[in-house]
Protein backbone atom coordinates (compact mmCIF):
# COMPACT_ATOMS: atom_id res chain seq x y z
CA MET A 1 -30.99 -125.87 -86.24
CA ALA A 2 -28.10 -125.50 -83.92
CA ILE A 3 -26.76 -121.83 -83.11
CA PHE A 4 -22.96 -122.86 -83.80
CA GLU A 5 -22.67 -125.24 -86.88
CA THR A 6 -18.73 -125.52 -86.23
CA SER A 7 -16.64 -125.47 -83.29
CA ASP A 8 -14.68 -122.62 -84.73
CA GLN A 9 -17.71 -120.69 -84.52
CA LEU A 10 -18.31 -121.57 -80.85
CA TYR A 11 -14.69 -120.85 -80.14
CA SER A 12 -14.69 -117.57 -82.01
CA TYR A 13 -17.71 -116.32 -80.23
CA ILE A 14 -16.67 -117.08 -76.76
CA SER A 15 -12.97 -116.09 -77.17
CA GLN A 16 -14.34 -112.64 -78.57
CA LEU A 17 -16.75 -112.42 -75.62
CA PHE A 18 -13.68 -112.91 -73.15
CA GLU A 19 -11.35 -110.35 -75.25
CA GLU A 20 -14.14 -107.85 -74.68
CA ILE A 21 -14.85 -108.51 -71.19
CA ALA A 22 -11.31 -108.43 -70.07
CA THR A 23 -11.44 -104.79 -70.76
CA LEU A 24 -14.20 -103.99 -68.17
CA PRO A 25 -13.36 -102.91 -64.63
CA GLU A 26 -15.64 -105.45 -63.15
CA ALA A 27 -14.27 -108.38 -64.79
CA GLN A 28 -10.88 -107.12 -64.22
CA GLU A 29 -11.71 -107.17 -60.66
CA ALA A 30 -13.16 -110.55 -60.75
CA LEU A 31 -9.97 -111.76 -62.69
CA LYS A 32 -7.74 -110.75 -59.73
CA SER A 33 -9.47 -113.03 -57.29
CA LEU A 34 -9.34 -115.98 -59.51
CA ASN A 35 -6.67 -118.71 -59.52
CA LEU A 36 -7.84 -121.63 -61.25
CA SER A 37 -8.61 -123.46 -64.40
CA VAL A 38 -11.82 -124.47 -66.06
CA GLN A 39 -12.36 -126.71 -68.97
CA PHE A 40 -15.46 -126.27 -70.79
CA ASN A 41 -16.58 -129.45 -72.67
CA TYR A 42 -18.91 -128.45 -75.40
CA SER A 43 -21.10 -130.98 -77.76
CA THR A 44 -22.97 -129.89 -80.81
CA PRO A 45 -20.52 -128.74 -81.88
CA ASP A 46 -17.58 -130.82 -80.35
CA CYS A 47 -15.07 -128.29 -78.79
CA VAL A 48 -12.88 -128.23 -75.56
CA MET A 49 -11.98 -124.74 -74.16
CA THR A 50 -9.96 -124.27 -71.07
CA LEU A 51 -9.96 -120.81 -69.24
CA THR A 52 -6.80 -120.51 -66.85
CA ALA A 53 -7.02 -117.63 -64.79
CA ALA A 54 -4.17 -116.40 -62.21
CA ASN A 55 -2.48 -113.22 -61.04
CA GLY A 56 -5.39 -110.91 -62.85
CA GLU A 57 -5.04 -112.13 -66.04
CA TYR A 58 -6.63 -115.14 -68.02
CA THR A 59 -5.77 -117.23 -71.23
CA LEU A 60 -8.36 -119.09 -73.01
CA SER A 61 -7.25 -122.08 -75.13
CA ARG A 62 -8.80 -124.47 -77.59
CA ASP A 63 -7.64 -127.67 -75.92
CA ALA A 64 -8.02 -129.69 -72.90
CA CYS A 65 -6.60 -128.25 -69.68
CA SER A 66 -2.61 -128.51 -69.81
CA ASP A 67 -2.65 -129.33 -65.91
CA ALA A 68 -3.42 -132.99 -65.10
CA THR A 69 -6.98 -132.14 -63.98
CA PRO A 70 -8.84 -128.99 -64.21
CA ASP A 71 -10.04 -127.36 -61.25
CA VAL A 72 -13.72 -127.04 -62.57
CA GLU A 73 -15.19 -128.89 -65.66
CA LEU A 74 -18.24 -127.56 -67.36
CA THR A 75 -19.97 -129.68 -69.94
CA MET A 76 -22.94 -128.60 -72.21
CA THR A 77 -24.05 -128.39 -75.75
CA GLY A 78 -23.19 -125.38 -77.94
CA ASP A 79 -26.92 -124.00 -77.80
CA VAL A 80 -26.83 -124.32 -73.87
CA ALA A 81 -23.46 -122.45 -73.78
CA HIS A 82 -25.06 -119.70 -75.87
CA LYS A 83 -28.00 -119.42 -73.51
CA PHE A 84 -25.54 -119.54 -70.70
CA TRP A 85 -23.52 -116.54 -71.74
CA THR A 86 -26.49 -114.54 -72.58
CA GLY A 87 -28.23 -115.03 -69.48
CA GLU A 88 -31.11 -117.05 -71.15
CA LEU A 89 -30.62 -119.82 -68.99
CA ASN A 90 -31.58 -120.76 -65.31
CA VAL A 91 -28.14 -122.39 -64.44
CA MET A 92 -29.54 -123.84 -61.41
CA GLY A 93 -32.20 -125.61 -63.13
CA ALA A 94 -30.07 -126.40 -65.94
CA ILE A 95 -27.78 -128.19 -63.48
CA THR A 96 -30.53 -129.95 -61.78
CA THR A 97 -31.75 -131.29 -65.05
CA ARG A 98 -28.19 -131.91 -66.25
CA GLU A 99 -28.15 -129.86 -69.19
CA ILE A 100 -24.73 -128.48 -67.54
CA GLY A 101 -22.55 -131.15 -66.02
CA ILE A 102 -20.37 -130.08 -63.42
CA ALA A 103 -16.88 -131.65 -61.82
CA GLY A 104 -14.97 -129.95 -59.24
CA SER A 105 -15.28 -128.15 -56.26
CA LEU A 106 -18.44 -126.06 -55.52
CA GLY A 107 -16.44 -123.34 -53.87
CA LYS A 108 -14.17 -122.75 -56.95
CA ILE A 109 -17.21 -122.89 -59.11
CA MET A 110 -18.72 -120.15 -57.14
CA ARG A 111 -15.67 -117.96 -57.53
CA LEU A 112 -16.57 -117.75 -61.24
CA THR A 113 -19.75 -115.99 -60.31
CA PRO A 114 -18.86 -112.43 -60.55
CA LEU A 115 -16.77 -113.05 -64.01
CA ILE A 116 -20.01 -115.06 -65.45
CA LYS A 117 -21.98 -112.25 -64.27
CA ALA A 118 -19.83 -109.52 -66.13
CA ALA A 119 -19.92 -111.66 -69.22
CA ILE A 120 -23.70 -111.96 -69.22
CA ARG A 121 -24.13 -108.24 -68.62
CA HIS A 122 -21.90 -107.38 -71.35
CA ASN A 123 -23.27 -109.97 -73.77
CA LYS A 124 -26.71 -108.72 -73.06
CA GLU A 125 -25.71 -104.82 -73.58
CA ARG A 126 -23.92 -105.76 -76.99
CA ASN A 127 -26.72 -107.48 -78.54
């Protein structure tokens, strides 16, 4: 059985996580250095989210990137997303086995690392 049965559950989970981590000093510091858009393409359940970060702030919307092309696209299932955000996933292994699909500049993807680490650390602490 899938962790998220509906796209509403998946969106709620990720948006709540981002609301919580936005208050953390390490995440705020990571956001200061970001100026990019990331489109998350999820399947099972189908859901598209776009994270746009600029000037130390972010928005997370439940739709495709409003820009012509996002800087980075990450594609995965809802179950892989859960493992990703809880730190239960070897990300490099998942990329290699194509559990996570990536499109975009590797340099821009790497700029997300501090924010992702803050989210994972927070997620582990709250569970």
